């Protein structure tokens, strides 16, 4: 993401395993950000941290 001018910020991990992130830079408003969120970030987190139940982006 940083290579494309964007970044993410970890906002919170809930007790139920939901990861809340905030998108920054070029990721804000990018039409591909929802795919990046699901296929890139969520899939990677679930592979490494099985307790993750999902990932959602929050607004500033």
N, C-alpha and C. Protein backbone atom coordinates (compact mmCIF):
# COMPACT_ATOMS: atom_id res chain seq x y z
N UNK A 1 0.82 -1.18 0.00
CA UNK A 1 0.00 0.00 0.00
C UNK A 1 0.87 1.25 0.00
N UNK A 2 1.95 1.22 0.76
CA UNK A 2 2.82 2.38 0.82
C UNK A 2 3.48 2.63 -0.52
N UNK A 3 3.75 1.59 -1.28
CA UNK A 3 4.34 1.76 -2.60
C UNK A 3 3.41 2.53 -3.53
N UNK A 4 2.10 2.47 -3.26
CA UNK A 4 1.11 3.16 -4.08
C UNK A 4 0.64 4.47 -3.48
N UNK A 5 1.32 4.95 -2.43
CA UNK A 5 0.98 6.25 -1.84
C UNK A 5 -0.07 6.19 -0.75
N UNK A 6 -0.37 5.00 -0.24
CA UNK A 6 -1.36 4.87 0.81
C UNK A 6 -0.76 4.24 2.06
N UNK A 7 -1.59 4.10 3.06
CA UNK A 7 -1.16 3.48 4.30
C UNK A 7 -2.39 3.08 5.10
N UNK A 8 -2.18 2.28 6.14
CA UNK A 8 -3.28 1.92 7.03
C UNK A 8 -2.84 2.15 8.46
N UNK A 9 -3.82 2.38 9.30
CA UNK A 9 -3.59 2.59 10.73
C UNK A 9 -4.48 1.62 11.49
N UNK A 10 -3.91 0.90 12.43
CA UNK A 10 -4.70 0.03 13.29
C UNK A 10 -5.41 0.91 14.30
N UNK A 11 -6.73 0.84 14.32
CA UNK A 11 -7.52 1.64 15.25
C UNK A 11 -7.88 0.83 16.48
N UNK A 12 -8.32 -0.42 16.27
CA UNK A 12 -8.81 -1.22 17.39
C UNK A 12 -8.93 -2.68 16.98
N UNK A 13 -8.77 -3.54 17.95
CA UNK A 13 -9.11 -4.95 17.79
C UNK A 13 -10.12 -5.25 18.90
N UNK A 14 -11.33 -5.62 18.51
CA UNK A 14 -12.39 -5.86 19.50
C UNK A 14 -12.23 -7.23 20.15
N UNK A 15 -12.96 -7.42 21.24
CA UNK A 15 -12.93 -8.71 21.94
C UNK A 15 -13.41 -9.85 21.05
N UNK A 16 -14.25 -9.52 20.07
CA UNK A 16 -14.77 -10.56 19.16
C UNK A 16 -13.83 -10.83 17.98
N UNK A 17 -12.67 -10.16 17.94
CA UNK A 17 -11.69 -10.40 16.89
C UNK A 17 -11.85 -9.53 15.66
N UNK A 18 -12.70 -8.53 15.72
CA UNK A 18 -12.88 -7.62 14.60
C UNK A 18 -11.77 -6.57 14.62
N UNK A 19 -11.08 -6.44 13.51
CA UNK A 19 -9.99 -5.48 13.39
C UNK A 19 -10.51 -4.24 12.68
N UNK A 20 -10.36 -3.10 13.32
CA UNK A 20 -10.79 -1.83 12.73
C UNK A 20 -9.54 -1.07 12.30
N UNK A 21 -9.53 -0.65 11.02
CA UNK A 21 -8.39 0.09 10.48
C UNK A 21 -8.88 1.39 9.86
N UNK A 22 -7.95 2.31 9.70
CA UNK A 22 -8.23 3.58 9.02
C UNK A 22 -7.29 3.68 7.83
N UNK A 23 -7.85 3.98 6.68
CA UNK A 23 -7.06 4.14 5.47
C UNK A 23 -6.52 5.56 5.38
N UNK A 24 -5.32 5.70 4.83
CA UNK A 24 -4.69 7.02 4.69
C UNK A 24 -4.16 7.19 3.27
N UNK A 25 -3.88 8.43 2.92
CA UNK A 25 -3.26 8.76 1.65
C UNK A 25 -4.09 8.37 0.45
N UNK A 26 -3.44 7.77 -0.53
CA UNK A 26 -4.09 7.41 -1.78
C UNK A 26 -5.18 6.36 -1.60
N UNK A 27 -5.18 5.66 -0.45
CA UNK A 27 -6.19 4.62 -0.21
C UNK A 27 -7.57 5.21 0.08
N UNK A 28 -7.60 6.43 0.57
CA UNK A 28 -8.87 7.06 0.90
C UNK A 28 -9.62 7.34 -0.41
N UNK A 29 -10.77 6.75 -0.56
CA UNK A 29 -11.58 6.96 -1.75
C UNK A 29 -11.17 6.15 -2.97
N UNK A 30 -10.14 5.34 -2.83
CA UNK A 30 -9.69 4.52 -3.97
C UNK A 30 -10.73 3.43 -4.24
N UNK A 31 -11.13 3.26 -5.49
CA UNK A 31 -12.12 2.24 -5.81
C UNK A 31 -11.65 0.81 -5.51
N UNK A 32 -10.36 0.59 -5.44
CA UNK A 32 -9.82 -0.74 -5.16
C UNK A 32 -9.62 -1.01 -3.68
N UNK A 33 -9.86 -0.03 -2.83
CA UNK A 33 -9.55 -0.19 -1.41
C UNK A 33 -10.37 -1.30 -0.75
N UNK A 34 -11.61 -1.50 -1.17
CA UNK A 34 -12.41 -2.57 -0.56
C UNK A 34 -11.85 -3.95 -0.92
N UNK A 35 -11.34 -4.10 -2.13
CA UNK A 35 -10.72 -5.37 -2.52
C UNK A 35 -9.41 -5.57 -1.76
N UNK A 36 -8.63 -4.52 -1.63
CA UNK A 36 -7.38 -4.59 -0.87
C UNK A 36 -7.67 -4.97 0.57
N UNK A 37 -8.72 -4.39 1.11
CA UNK A 37 -9.11 -4.67 2.49
C UNK A 37 -9.44 -6.14 2.69
N UNK A 38 -10.25 -6.70 1.81
CA UNK A 38 -10.70 -8.09 1.95
C UNK A 38 -9.64 -9.10 1.52
N UNK A 39 -9.13 -8.94 0.33
CA UNK A 39 -8.22 -9.94 -0.24
C UNK A 39 -6.80 -9.79 0.31
N UNK A 40 -6.37 -8.58 0.50
CA UNK A 40 -5.01 -8.37 0.98
C UNK A 40 -4.89 -8.41 2.48
N UNK A 41 -5.51 -7.48 3.15
CA UNK A 41 -5.32 -7.31 4.59
C UNK A 41 -6.04 -8.40 5.39
N UNK A 42 -7.33 -8.58 5.16
CA UNK A 42 -8.10 -9.54 5.95
C UNK A 42 -7.58 -10.96 5.76
N UNK A 43 -7.36 -11.36 4.55
CA UNK A 43 -6.89 -12.71 4.27
C UNK A 43 -5.53 -12.96 4.93
N UNK A 44 -4.64 -11.99 4.83
CA UNK A 44 -3.32 -12.13 5.42
C UNK A 44 -3.42 -12.22 6.94
N UNK A 45 -4.22 -11.37 7.55
CA UNK A 45 -4.38 -11.42 9.00
C UNK A 45 -4.97 -12.75 9.46
N UNK A 46 -5.98 -13.24 8.77
CA UNK A 46 -6.60 -14.51 9.17
C UNK A 46 -5.64 -15.68 9.06
N UNK A 47 -4.73 -15.64 8.08
CA UNK A 47 -3.73 -16.69 7.94
C UNK A 47 -2.76 -16.70 9.12
N UNK A 48 -2.41 -15.51 9.60
CA UNK A 48 -1.42 -15.39 10.66
C UNK A 48 -2.03 -15.29 12.06
N UNK A 49 -3.26 -14.83 12.15
CA UNK A 49 -3.93 -14.67 13.44
C UNK A 49 -5.35 -15.23 13.30
N UNK A 50 -5.52 -16.53 13.56
CA UNK A 50 -6.81 -17.19 13.35
C UNK A 50 -7.97 -16.58 14.15
N UNK A 51 -7.66 -15.86 15.22
CA UNK A 51 -8.70 -15.25 16.04
C UNK A 51 -9.38 -14.06 15.37
N UNK A 52 -8.82 -13.55 14.30
CA UNK A 52 -9.42 -12.42 13.59
C UNK A 52 -10.71 -12.87 12.93
N UNK A 53 -11.79 -12.17 13.25
CA UNK A 53 -13.10 -12.52 12.69
C UNK A 53 -13.43 -11.70 11.45
N UNK A 54 -12.75 -10.59 11.26
CA UNK A 54 -12.99 -9.74 10.10
C UNK A 54 -12.21 -8.44 10.22
N UNK A 55 -12.21 -7.67 9.13
CA UNK A 55 -11.52 -6.39 9.10
C UNK A 55 -12.48 -5.37 8.49
N UNK A 56 -12.61 -4.22 9.14
CA UNK A 56 -13.44 -3.15 8.61
C UNK A 56 -12.66 -1.84 8.63
N UNK A 57 -12.94 -1.00 7.67
CA UNK A 57 -12.33 0.32 7.62
C UNK A 57 -13.28 1.31 8.30
N UNK A 58 -12.71 2.20 9.09
CA UNK A 58 -13.49 3.22 9.76
C UNK A 58 -13.12 4.58 9.18
N UNK A 59 -14.05 5.50 9.25
CA UNK A 59 -13.83 6.86 8.75
C UNK A 59 -12.99 7.64 9.77
N UNK A 60 -12.36 8.70 9.31
CA UNK A 60 -11.56 9.55 10.20
C UNK A 60 -12.38 10.16 11.29
